[in-house]
Amino acid sequence: MSRTEQRIFQINEQLAELVREEERVFEELQFHRHIDDDAQRDALVSDHPEDRALARQTTADVARFERAVDEVRSRRARLEEKRRKLFDKLRDL
């Protein structure tokens, strides 16, 4: 097996792990979105400053997890591009 083929296999393993990571982070994002929806509703009908503070915090949590999902997707896209270039290299041999 050539070095290029070995590298493709390594990238495939990394991609599989990133898919699992993306699924985990996305599920966490969905959880935080649900909590944020509840917190936003509570903040609208409540006179308590703590409810508004919690709503701000949950909104920040959602944004943090959205960034995390975007980061995983970006890493995945970069690896997929590397793999594509390696396949092109193999094809040109």
PDB file of N, CA and C in Angstrom:
ATOM      1  N   MET A   1       0.851  -1.173   0.000  1.00  0.00           N
ATOM      2  CA  MET A   1       0.000   0.000   0.000  1.00  0.00           C
ATOM      3  C   MET A   1       0.898   1.238   0.000  1.00  0.00           C
ATOM      4  N   SER A   2       0.551   2.177  -0.833  1.00  0.00           N
ATOM      5  CA  SER A   2       1.363   3.389  -0.956  1.00  0.00           C
ATOM      6  C   SER A   2       1.102   4.343   0.212  1.00  0.00           C
ATOM      7  N   ARG A   3       1.989   5.287   0.349  1.00  0.00           N
ATOM      8  CA  ARG A   3       1.861   6.315   1.395  1.00  0.00           C
ATOM      9  C   ARG A   3       0.568   7.112   1.203  1.00  0.00           C
ATOM     10  N   THR A   4       0.238   7.398  -0.040  1.00  0.00           N
ATOM     11  CA  THR A   4      -0.986   8.143  -0.334  1.00  0.00           C
ATOM     12  C   THR A   4      -2.216   7.351   0.090  1.00  0.00           C
ATOM     13  N   GLU A   5      -2.213   6.062  -0.197  1.00  0.00           N
ATOM     14  CA  GLU A   5      -3.341   5.220   0.211  1.00  0.00           C
ATOM     15  C   GLU A   5      -3.456   5.152   1.736  1.00  0.00           C
ATOM     16  N   GLN A   6      -2.315   5.043   2.404  1.00  0.00           N
ATOM     17  CA  GLN A   6      -2.335   5.029   3.869  1.00  0.00           C
ATOM     18  C   GLN A   6      -2.920   6.333   4.413  1.00  0.00           C
ATOM     19  N   ARG A   7      -2.518   7.427   3.804  1.00  0.00           N
ATOM     20  CA  ARG A   7      -3.018   8.744   4.239  1.00  0.00           C
ATOM     21  C   ARG A   7      -4.535   8.843   4.032  1.00  0.00           C
ATOM     22  N   ILE A   8      -5.018   8.295   2.931  1.00  0.00           N
ATOM     23  CA  ILE A   8      -6.465   8.307   2.668  1.00  0.00           C
ATOM     24  C   ILE A   8      -7.202   7.511   3.748  1.00  0.00           C
ATOM     25  N   PHE A   9      -6.666   6.364   4.114  1.00  0.00           N
ATOM     26  CA  PHE A   9      -7.289   5.565   5.163  1.00  0.00           C
ATOM     27  C   PHE A   9      -7.302   6.321   6.493  1.00  0.00           C
ATOM     28  N   GLN A  10      -6.209   7.002   6.803  1.00  0.00           N
ATOM     29  CA  GLN A  10      -6.150   7.790   8.036  1.00  0.00           C
ATOM     30  C   GLN A  10      -7.196   8.908   8.017  1.00  0.00           C
ATOM     31  N   ILE A  11      -7.310   9.565   6.887  1.00  0.00           N
ATOM     32  CA  ILE A  11      -8.293  10.643   6.759  1.00  0.00           C
ATOM     33  C   ILE A  11      -9.701  10.081   6.886  1.00  0.00           C
ATOM     34  N   ASN A  12      -9.945   8.912   6.306  1.00  0.00           N
ATOM     35  CA  ASN A  12     -11.270   8.293   6.431  1.00  0.00           C
ATOM     36  C   ASN A  12     -11.613   8.027   7.890  1.00  0.00           C
ATOM     37  N   GLU A  13     -10.642   7.562   8.659  1.00  0.00           N
ATOM     38  CA  GLU A  13     -10.861   7.328  10.084  1.00  0.00           C
ATOM     39  C   GLU A  13     -11.149   8.647  10.814  1.00  0.00           C
ATOM     40  N   GLN A  14     -10.393   9.674  10.474  1.00  0.00           N
ATOM     41  CA  GLN A  14     -10.608  10.979  11.090  1.00  0.00           C
ATOM     42  C   GLN A  14     -11.989  11.528  10.722  1.00  0.00           C
ATOM     43  N   LEU A  15     -12.382  11.329   9.472  1.00  0.00           N
ATOM     44  CA  LEU A  15     -13.700  11.790   9.035  1.00  0.00           C
ATOM     45  C   LEU A  15     -14.813  11.065   9.780  1.00  0.00           C
ATOM     46  N   ALA A  16     -14.645   9.774   9.979  1.00  0.00           N
ATOM     47  CA  ALA A  16     -15.660   9.007  10.718  1.00  0.00           C
ATOM     48  C   ALA A  16     -15.796   9.545  12.141  1.00  0.00           C
ATOM     49  N   GLU A  17     -14.672   9.862  12.764  1.00  0.00           N
ATOM     50  CA  GLU A  17     -14.714  10.425  14.116  1.00  0.00           C
ATOM     51  C   GLU A  17     -15.375  11.803  14.115  1.00  0.00           C
ATOM     52  N   LEU A  18     -15.083  12.607  13.103  1.00  0.00           N
ATOM     53  CA  LEU A  18     -15.704  13.928  13.020  1.00  0.00           C
ATOM     54  C   LEU A  18     -17.213  13.831  12.813  1.00  0.00           C
ATOM     55  N   VAL A  19     -17.658  12.848  12.064  1.00  0.00           N
ATOM     56  CA  VAL A  19     -19.101  12.643  11.885  1.00  0.00           C
ATOM     57  C   VAL A  19     -19.745  12.346  13.237  1.00  0.00           C
ATOM     58  N   ARG A  20     -19.114  11.468  14.009  1.00  0.00           N
ATOM     59  CA  ARG A  20     -19.645  11.157  15.342  1.00  0.00           C
ATOM     60  C   ARG A  20     -19.623  12.394  16.241  1.00  0.00           C
ATOM     61  N   GLU A  21     -18.536  13.151  16.181  1.00  0.00           N
ATOM     62  CA  GLU A  21     -18.442  14.368  16.990  1.00  0.00           C
ATOM     63  C   GLU A  21     -19.509  15.376  16.587  1.00  0.00           C
ATOM     64  N   GLU A  22     -19.706  15.532  15.285  1.00  0.00           N
ATOM     65  CA  GLU A  22     -20.725  16.464  14.807  1.00  0.00           C
ATOM     66  C   GLU A  22     -22.110  16.054  15.307  1.00  0.00           C
ATOM     67  N   GLU A  23     -22.396  14.779  15.276  1.00  0.00           N
ATOM     68  CA  GLU A  23     -23.691  14.296  15.770  1.00  0.00           C
ATOM     69  C   GLU A  23     -23.857  14.611  17.252  1.00  0.00           C
ATOM     70  N   ARG A  24     -22.798  14.383  18.034  1.00  0.00           N
ATOM     71  CA  ARG A  24     -22.867  14.662  19.476  1.00  0.00           C
ATOM     72  C   ARG A  24     -23.079  16.153  19.748  1.00  0.00           C
ATOM     73  N   VAL A  25     -22.296  16.977  19.077  1.00  0.00           N
ATOM     74  CA  VAL A  25     -22.388  18.422  19.300  1.00  0.00           C
ATOM     75  C   VAL A  25     -23.738  18.950  18.822  1.00  0.00           C
ATOM     76  N   PHE A  26     -24.223  18.424  17.702  1.00  0.00           N
ATOM     77  CA  PHE A  26     -25.518  18.875  17.188  1.00  0.00           C
ATOM     78  C   PHE A  26     -26.638  18.506  18.164  1.00  0.00           C
ATOM     79  N   GLU A  27     -26.581  17.313  18.729  1.00  0.00           N
ATOM     80  CA  GLU A  27     -27.585  16.909  19.717  1.00  0.00           C
ATOM     81  C   GLU A  27     -27.537  17.828  20.935  1.00  0.00           C
ATOM     82  N   GLU A  28     -26.342  18.168  21.358  1.00  0.00           N
ATOM     83  CA  GLU A  28     -26.188  19.100  22.481  1.00  0.00           C
ATOM     84  C   GLU A  28     -26.774  20.463  22.121  1.00  0.00           C
ATOM     85  N   LEU A  29     -26.536  20.904  20.897  1.00  0.00           N
ATOM     86  CA  LEU A  29     -27.099  22.172  20.421  1.00  0.00           C
ATOM     87  C   LEU A  29     -28.622  22.127  20.482  1.00  0.00           C
ATOM     88  N   GLN A  30     -29.208  21.024  20.031  1.00  0.00           N
ATOM     89  CA  GLN A  30     -30.672  20.904  20.063  1.00  0.00           C
ATOM     90  C   GLN A  30     -31.184  21.001  21.502  1.00  0.00           C
ATOM     91  N   PHE A  31     -30.489  20.369  22.422  1.00  0.00           N
ATOM     92  CA  PHE A  31     -30.858  20.425  23.834  1.00  0.00           C
ATOM     93  C   PHE A  31     -30.835  21.872  24.333  1.00  0.00           C
ATOM     94  N   HIS A  32     -29.758  22.593  24.004  1.00  0.00           N
ATOM     95  CA  HIS A  32     -29.636  23.974  24.457  1.00  0.00           C
ATOM     96  C   HIS A  32     -30.658  24.882  23.783  1.00  0.00           C
ATOM     97  N   ARG A  33     -31.003  24.596  22.554  1.00  0.00           N
ATOM     98  CA  ARG A  33     -32.056  25.382  21.898  1.00  0.00           C
ATOM     99  C   ARG A  33     -33.393  25.202  22.621  1.00  0.00           C
ATOM    100  N   HIS A  34     -33.674  23.989  23.023  1.00  0.00           N
ATOM    101  CA  HIS A  34     -34.913  23.722  23.745  1.00  0.00           C
ATOM    102  C   HIS A  34     -34.938  24.492  25.073  1.00  0.00           C
ATOM    103  N   ILE A  35     -33.840  24.441  25.797  1.00  0.00           N
ATOM    104  CA  ILE A  35     -33.746  25.162  27.074  1.00  0.00           C
ATOM    105  C   ILE A  35     -33.868  26.668  26.834  1.00  0.00           C
ATOM    106  N   ASP A  36     -33.235  27.146  25.766  1.00  0.00           N
ATOM    107  CA  ASP A  36     -33.292  28.573  25.453  1.00  0.00           C
ATOM    108  C   ASP A  36     -34.723  28.999  25.130  1.00  0.00           C
ATOM    109  N   ASP A  37     -35.438  28.187  24.372  1.00  0.00           N
ATOM    110  CA  ASP A  37     -36.838  28.522  24.077  1.00  0.00           C
ATOM    111  C   ASP A  37     -37.634  28.713  25.367  1.00  0.00           C
ATOM    112  N   ASP A  38     -37.464  27.778  26.285  1.00  0.00           N
ATOM    113  CA  ASP A  38     -38.171  27.880  27.566  1.00  0.00           C
ATOM    114  C   ASP A  38     -37.737  29.126  28.337  1.00  0.00           C
ATOM    115  N   ALA A  39     -36.448  29.377  28.370  1.00  0.00           N
ATOM    116  CA  ALA A  39     -35.934  30.531  29.115  1.00  0.00           C
ATOM    117  C   ALA A  39     -36.424  31.846  28.512  1.00  0.00           C
ATOM    118  N   GLN A  40     -36.477  31.912  27.183  1.00  0.00           N
ATOM    119  CA  GLN A  40     -36.960  33.135  26.529  1.00  0.00           C
ATOM    120  C   GLN A  40     -38.429  33.381  26.870  1.00  0.00           C
ATOM    121  N   ARG A  41     -39.218  32.323  26.843  1.00  0.00           N
ATOM    122  CA  ARG A  41     -40.641  32.449  27.200  1.00  0.00           C
ATOM    123  C   ARG A  41     -40.792  32.908  28.655  1.00  0.00           C
ATOM    124  N   ASP A  42     -40.025  32.276  29.532  1.00  0.00           N
ATOM    125  CA  ASP A  42     -40.096  32.648  30.953  1.00  0.00           C
ATOM    126  C   ASP A  42     -39.698  34.111  31.158  1.00  0.00           C
ATOM    127  N   ALA A  43     -38.676  34.554  30.456  1.00  0.00           N
ATOM    128  CA  ALA A  43     -38.208  35.933  30.606  1.00  0.00           C
ATOM    129  C   ALA A  43     -39.253  36.937  30.127  1.00  0.00           C
ATOM    130  N   LEU A  44     -40.036  36.556  29.120  1.00  0.00           N
ATOM    131  CA  LEU A  44     -41.061  37.467  28.598  1.00  0.00           C
ATOM    132  C   LEU A  44     -42.215  37.678  29.579  1.00  0.00           C
ATOM    133  N   VAL A  45     -42.558  36.654  30.314  1.00  0.00           N
ATOM    134  CA  VAL A  45     -43.731  36.749  31.189  1.00  0.00           C
ATOM    135  C   VAL A  45     -43.367  37.005  32.650  1.00  0.00           C
ATOM    136  N   SER A  46     -42.094  37.073  32.960  1.00  0.00           N
ATOM    137  CA  SER A  46     -41.659  37.195  34.348  1.00  0.00           C
ATOM    138  C   SER A  46     -41.207  38.619  34.653  1.00  0.00           C
ATOM    139  N   ASP A  47     -41.349  38.960  35.911  1.00  0.00           N
ATOM    140  CA  ASP A  47     -40.839  40.248  36.394  1.00  0.00           C
ATOM    141  C   ASP A  47     -39.493  40.092  37.093  1.00  0.00           C
ATOM    142  N   HIS A  48     -38.956  38.883  37.090  1.00  0.00           N
ATOM    143  CA  HIS A  48     -37.723  38.602  37.819  1.00  0.00           C
ATOM    144  C   HIS A  48     -36.493  38.826  36.929  1.00  0.00           C
ATOM    145  N   PRO A  49     -35.553  39.626  37.388  1.00  0.00           N
ATOM    146  CA  PRO A  49     -34.327  39.854  36.619  1.00  0.00           C
ATOM    147  C   PRO A  49     -33.521  38.567  36.406  1.00  0.00           C
ATOM    148  N   GLU A  50     -33.669  37.618  37.337  1.00  0.00           N
ATOM    149  CA  GLU A  50     -32.943  36.348  37.186  1.00  0.00           C
ATOM    150  C   GLU A  50     -33.386  35.594  35.937  1.00  0.00           C
ATOM    151  N   ASP A  51     -34.669  35.703  35.613  1.00  0.00           N
ATOM    152  CA  ASP A  51     -35.177  35.027  34.411  1.00  0.00           C
ATOM    153  C   ASP A  51     -34.584  35.646  33.147  1.00  0.00           C
ATOM    154  N   ARG A  52     -34.448  36.960  33.140  1.00  0.00           N
ATOM    155  CA  ARG A  52     -33.843  37.619  31.977  1.00  0.00           C
ATOM    156  C   ARG A  52     -32.354  37.275  31.868  1.00  0.00           C
ATOM    157  N   ALA A  53     -31.693  37.195  33.017  1.00  0.00           N
ATOM    158  CA  ALA A  53     -30.267  36.817  33.024  1.00  0.00           C
ATOM    159  C   ALA A  53     -30.094  35.389  32.514  1.00  0.00           C
ATOM    160  N   LEU A  54     -30.968  34.500  32.955  1.00  0.00           N
ATOM    161  CA  LEU A  54     -30.904  33.120  32.477  1.00  0.00           C
ATOM    162  C   LEU A  54     -31.151  33.055  30.974  1.00  0.00           C
ATOM    163  N   ALA A  55     -32.085  33.857  30.485  1.00  0.00           N
ATOM    164  CA  ALA A  55     -32.373  33.883  29.046  1.00  0.00           C
ATOM    165  C   ALA A  55     -31.146  34.337  28.254  1.00  0.00           C
ATOM    166  N   ARG A  56     -30.440  35.334  28.778  1.00  0.00           N
ATOM    167  CA  ARG A  56     -29.217  35.786  28.097  1.00  0.00           C
ATOM    168  C   ARG A  56     -28.172  34.675  28.086  1.00  0.00           C
ATOM    169  N   GLN A  57     -28.052  33.984  29.205  1.00  0.00           N
ATOM    170  CA  GLN A  57     -27.067  32.899  29.310  1.00  0.00           C
ATOM    171  C   GLN A  57     -27.402  31.751  28.354  1.00  0.00           C
ATOM    172  N   THR A  58     -28.667  31.377  28.297  1.00  0.00           N
ATOM    173  CA  THR A  58     -29.029  30.260  27.416  1.00  0.00           C
ATOM    174  C   THR A  58     -28.857  30.634  25.950  1.00  0.00           C
ATOM    175  N   THR A  59     -29.100  31.895  25.622  1.00  0.00           N
ATOM    176  CA  THR A  59     -28.861  32.355  24.246  1.00  0.00           C
ATOM    177  C   THR A  59     -27.375  32.278  23.917  1.00  0.00           C
ATOM    178  N   ALA A  60     -26.542  32.640  24.872  1.00  0.00           N
ATOM    179  CA  ALA A  60     -25.087  32.548  24.674  1.00  0.00           C
ATOM    180  C   ALA A  60     -24.658  31.090  24.521  1.00  0.00           C
ATOM    181  N   ASP A  61     -25.279  30.191  25.292  1.00  0.00           N
ATOM    182  CA  ASP A  61     -24.963  28.763  25.159  1.00  0.00           C
ATOM    183  C   ASP A  61     -25.301  28.252  23.764  1.00  0.00           C
ATOM    184  N   VAL A  62     -26.449  28.658  23.250  1.00  0.00           N
ATOM    185  CA  VAL A  62     -26.846  28.237  21.901  1.00  0.00           C
ATOM    186  C   VAL A  62     -25.824  28.730  20.883  1.00  0.00           C
ATOM    187  N   ALA A  63     -25.438  29.984  20.997  1.00  0.00           N
ATOM    188  CA  ALA A  63     -24.447  30.541  20.061  1.00  0.00           C
ATOM    189  C   ALA A  63     -23.125  29.778  20.147  1.00  0.00           C
ATOM    190  N   ARG A  64     -22.722  29.421  21.363  1.00  0.00           N
ATOM    191  CA  ARG A  64     -21.469  28.679  21.550  1.00  0.00           C
ATOM    192  C   ARG A  64     -21.541  27.317  20.862  1.00  0.00           C
ATOM    193  N   PHE A  65     -22.651  26.631  21.019  1.00  0.00           N
ATOM    194  CA  PHE A  65     -22.776  25.317  20.385  1.00  0.00           C
ATOM    195  C   PHE A  65     -22.950  25.428  18.868  1.00  0.00           C
ATOM    196  N   GLU A  66     -23.568  26.498  18.391  1.00  0.00           N
ATOM    197  CA  GLU A  66     -23.639  26.708  16.944  1.00  0.00           C
ATOM    198  C   GLU A  66     -22.241  26.892  16.370  1.00  0.00           C
ATOM    199  N   ARG A  67     -21.407  27.642  17.080  1.00  0.00           N
ATOM    200  CA  ARG A  67     -20.009  27.812  16.638  1.00  0.00           C
ATOM    201  C   ARG A  67     -19.270  26.477  16.666  1.00  0.00           C
ATOM    202  N   ALA A  68     -19.540  25.672  17.680  1.00  0.00           N
ATOM    203  CA  ALA A  68     -18.880  24.363  17.786  1.00  0.00           C
ATOM    204  C   ALA A  68     -19.280  23.461  16.614  1.00  0.00           C
ATOM    205  N   VAL A  69     -20.554  23.460  16.264  1.00  0.00           N
ATOM    206  CA  VAL A  69     -21.003  22.668  15.112  1.00  0.00           C
ATOM    207  C   VAL A  69     -20.330  23.177  13.837  1.00  0.00           C
ATOM    208  N   ASP A  70     -20.292  24.487  13.667  1.00  0.00           N
ATOM    209  CA  ASP A  70     -19.639  25.076  12.486  1.00  0.00           C
ATOM    210  C   ASP A  70     -18.168  24.691  12.418  1.00  0.00           C
ATOM    211  N   GLU A  71     -17.494  24.679  13.559  1.00  0.00           N
ATOM    212  CA  GLU A  71     -16.071  24.327  13.599  1.00  0.00           C
ATOM    213  C   GLU A  71     -15.861  22.874  13.176  1.00  0.00           C
ATOM    214  N   VAL A  72     -16.684  21.979  13.690  1.00  0.00           N
ATOM    215  CA  VAL A  72     -16.557  20.564  13.318  1.00  0.00           C
ATOM    216  C   VAL A  72     -16.809  20.409  11.811  1.00  0.00           C
ATOM    217  N   ARG A  73     -17.824  21.088  11.312  1.00  0.00           N
ATOM    218  CA  ARG A  73     -18.134  21.002   9.878  1.00  0.00           C
ATOM    219  C   ARG A  73     -16.998  21.568   9.026  1.00  0.00           C
ATOM    220  N   SER A  74     -16.367  22.616   9.519  1.00  0.00           N
ATOM    221  CA  SER A  74     -15.237  23.209   8.805  1.00  0.00           C
ATOM    222  C   SER A  74     -14.051  22.245   8.774  1.00  0.00           C
ATOM    223  N   ARG A  75     -13.752  21.633   9.916  1.00  0.00           N
ATOM    224  CA  ARG A  75     -12.658  20.648   9.955  1.00  0.00           C
ATOM    225  C   ARG A  75     -12.959  19.482   9.025  1.00  0.00           C
ATOM    226  N   ARG A  76     -14.197  19.064   9.025  1.00  0.00           N
ATOM    227  CA  ARG A  76     -14.604  17.958   8.150  1.00  0.00           C
ATOM    228  C   ARG A  76     -14.430  18.339   6.677  1.00  0.00           C
ATOM    229  N   ALA A  77     -14.837  19.534   6.315  1.00  0.00           N
ATOM    230  CA  ALA A  77     -14.705  19.993   4.925  1.00  0.00           C
ATOM    231  C   ALA A  77     -13.233  20.054   4.499  1.00  0.00           C
ATOM    232  N   ARG A  78     -12.366  20.517   5.413  1.00  0.00           N
ATOM    233  CA  ARG A  78     -10.935  20.579   5.080  1.00  0.00           C
ATOM    234  C   ARG A  78     -10.370  19.177   4.845  1.00  0.00           C
ATOM    235  N   LEU A  79     -10.771  18.231   5.700  1.00  0.00           N
ATOM    236  CA  LEU A  79     -10.287  16.853   5.522  1.00  0.00           C
ATOM    237  C   LEU A  79     -10.832  16.232   4.240  1.00  0.00           C
ATOM    238  N   GLU A  80     -12.084  16.509   3.939  1.00  0.00           N
ATOM    239  CA  GLU A  80     -12.659  15.981   2.701  1.00  0.00           C
ATOM    240  C   GLU A  80     -11.931  16.532   1.481  1.00  0.00           C
ATOM    241  N   GLU A  81     -11.530  17.796   1.554  1.00  0.00           N
ATOM    242  CA  GLU A  81     -10.765  18.395   0.457  1.00  0.00           C
ATOM    243  C   GLU A  81      -9.384  17.741   0.340  1.00  0.00           C
ATOM    244  N   LYS A  82      -8.727  17.505   1.479  1.00  0.00           N
ATOM    245  CA  LYS A  82      -7.430  16.808   1.449  1.00  0.00           C
ATOM    246  C   LYS A  82      -7.577  15.431   0.821  1.00  0.00           C
ATOM    247  N   ARG A  83      -8.623  14.725   1.225  1.00  0.00           N
ATOM    248  CA  ARG A  83      -8.845  13.380   0.694  1.00  0.00           C
ATOM    249  C   ARG A  83      -9.093  13.434  -0.811  1.00  0.00           C
ATOM    250  N   ARG A  84      -9.861  14.415  -1.261  1.00  0.00           N
ATOM    251  CA  ARG A  84     -10.126  14.559  -2.694  1.00  0.00           C
ATOM    252  C   ARG A  84      -8.827  14.772  -3.467  1.00  0.00           C
ATOM    253  N   LYS A  85      -7.951  15.609  -2.916  1.00  0.00           N
ATOM    254  CA  LYS A  85      -6.668  15.869  -3.579  1.00  0.00           C
ATOM    255  C   LYS A  85      -5.807  14.606  -3.617  1.00  0.00           C
ATOM    256  N   LEU A  86      -5.849  13.820  -2.554  1.00  0.00           N
ATOM    257  CA  LEU A  86      -5.087  12.567  -2.540  1.00  0.00           C
ATOM    258  C   LEU A  86      -5.649  11.583  -3.560  1.00  0.00           C
ATOM    259  N   PHE A  87      -6.966  11.512  -3.680  1.00  0.00           N
ATOM    260  CA  PHE A  87      -7.569  10.645  -4.702  1.00  0.00           C
ATOM    261  C   PHE A  87      -7.160  11.101  -6.104  1.00  0.00           C
ATOM    262  N   ASP A  88      -7.144  12.422  -6.307  1.00  0.00           N
ATOM    263  CA  ASP A  88      -6.703  12.952  -7.609  1.00  0.00           C
ATOM    264  C   ASP A  88      -5.252  12.547  -7.888  1.00  0.00           C
ATOM    265  N   LYS A  89      -4.424  12.611  -6.846  1.00  0.00           N
ATOM    266  CA  LYS A  89      -3.019  12.239  -6.976  1.00  0.00           C
ATOM    267  C   LYS A  89      -2.889  10.756  -7.356  1.00  0.00           C
ATOM    268  N   LEU A  90      -3.691   9.921  -6.713  1.00  0.00           N
ATOM    269  CA  LEU A  90      -3.668   8.485  -7.054  1.00  0.00           C
ATOM    270  C   LEU A  90      -4.114   8.250  -8.486  1.00  0.00           C
ATOM    271  N   ARG A  91      -5.132   8.958  -8.886  1.00  0.00           N
ATOM    272  CA  ARG A  91      -5.680   8.787 -10.233  1.00  0.00           C
ATOM    273  C   ARG A  91      -4.650   9.214 -11.286  1.00  0.00           C
ATOM    274  N   ASP A  92      -3.831  10.201 -10.967  1.00  0.00           N
ATOM    275  CA  ASP A  92      -2.845  10.705 -11.928  1.00  0.00           C
ATOM    276  C   ASP A  92      -1.617   9.801 -12.057  1.00  0.00           C
ATOM    277  N   LEU A  93      -1.483   8.834 -11.158  1.00  0.00           N
ATOM    278  CA  LEU A  93      -0.305   7.945 -11.220  1.00  0.00           C
ATOM    279  C   LEU A  93      -0.369   6.993 -12.379  1.00  0.00           C
TER     280      LEU A  93
END
